[in-house]
């Protein structure tokens, strides 16, 4: 599903969450020491149910497309 900035349709980059697995070096208690491998795999890609924020203005994105420019133009009334 595509996401849209409600403030400006030209804003096309967003911040949201993905879950990435890393390999860690840990001690005998499982406490973190250091990261062995930054990214082994992505366990969950960004989801439509996440909050998506516009990377330009910070607005919360919507999945409703912006109205087309022609729909924004005033409609002509009937001439008499």
Protein backbone atom coordinates (compact mmCIF):
# COMPACT_ATOMS: atom_id res chain seq x y z
CA UNK A 1 0.00 0.00 0.00
CA UNK A 2 1.35 3.43 -0.93
CA UNK A 3 1.68 6.18 1.68
CA UNK A 4 1.21 9.91 1.17
CA UNK A 5 2.14 13.07 3.07
CA UNK A 6 -1.07 14.98 3.86
CA UNK A 7 0.81 18.31 3.68
CA UNK A 8 2.55 17.94 0.32
CA UNK A 9 2.23 15.14 -2.25
CA UNK A 10 5.83 15.82 -3.36
CA UNK A 11 7.08 14.55 0.03
CA UNK A 12 7.77 10.90 -0.79
CA UNK A 13 10.07 9.61 1.96
CA UNK A 14 8.89 8.38 5.34
CA UNK A 15 10.19 7.13 8.67
CA UNK A 16 8.68 3.88 9.99
CA UNK A 17 9.88 0.67 11.63
CA UNK A 18 11.34 -2.58 10.33
CA UNK A 19 12.68 -5.39 12.51
CA UNK A 20 16.24 -6.40 11.71
CA UNK A 21 18.09 -9.35 13.20
CA UNK A 22 21.71 -8.91 14.28
CA UNK A 23 24.29 -11.31 15.59
CA UNK A 24 25.67 -10.25 18.98
CA UNK A 25 28.60 -11.34 21.07
CA UNK A 26 27.22 -11.88 24.58
CA UNK A 27 28.57 -13.02 27.92
CA UNK A 28 27.48 -16.15 29.83
CA UNK A 29 24.39 -14.28 31.15
CA UNK A 30 23.31 -13.19 27.67
CA UNK A 31 24.31 -9.57 28.25
CA UNK A 32 25.35 -7.65 25.15
CA UNK A 33 29.07 -7.10 24.52
CA UNK A 34 29.20 -6.07 20.83
CA UNK A 35 27.54 -6.53 17.47
CA UNK A 36 29.16 -9.27 15.39
CA UNK A 37 27.07 -8.75 12.25
CA UNK A 38 25.04 -5.58 11.66
CA UNK A 39 22.24 -7.18 9.63
CA UNK A 40 21.73 -10.89 9.19
CA UNK A 41 18.17 -10.66 7.93
CA UNK A 42 15.05 -8.57 8.09
CA UNK A 43 12.48 -10.34 10.23
CA UNK A 44 9.65 -7.85 9.55
CA UNK A 45 9.51 -5.30 6.74
CA UNK A 46 7.70 -1.99 7.28
CA UNK A 47 4.02 -2.70 7.78
CA UNK A 48 1.01 -0.64 6.72
CA UNK A 49 -0.21 -0.85 10.33
CA UNK A 50 2.88 1.04 11.54
CA UNK A 51 2.93 4.78 11.98
CA UNK A 52 4.63 6.37 8.96
CA UNK A 53 5.93 9.93 9.38
CA UNK A 54 6.94 12.21 6.53
CA UNK A 55 10.75 12.55 6.50
CA UNK A 56 10.44 16.14 5.24
CA UNK A 57 7.79 17.74 7.46
CA UNK A 58 7.05 15.12 10.14
CA UNK A 59 3.34 14.77 9.35
CA UNK A 60 1.76 11.39 9.92
CA UNK A 61 1.27 9.76 6.52
CA UNK A 62 -2.02 8.54 5.18
CA UNK A 63 -2.87 5.82 2.67
CA UNK A 64 -5.47 8.04 1.02
CA UNK A 65 -4.08 9.50 -2.21
CA UNK A 66 -4.17 13.28 -2.53
CA UNK A 67 -6.90 14.64 -4.75
CA UNK A 68 -5.87 15.17 -8.33
CA UNK A 69 -5.18 18.74 -9.40
CA UNK A 70 -8.18 18.67 -11.75
CA UNK A 71 -10.44 17.77 -8.82
CA UNK A 72 -9.10 20.79 -6.91
CA UNK A 73 -9.96 23.19 -9.75
CA UNK A 74 -13.21 25.12 -9.26
CA UNK A 75 -16.12 23.70 -11.19
CA UNK A 76 -17.74 25.87 -13.78
CA UNK A 77 -21.33 26.78 -13.14
CA UNK A 78 -24.06 26.68 -15.75
CA UNK A 79 -24.35 29.81 -17.91
CA UNK A 80 -27.71 31.41 -18.19
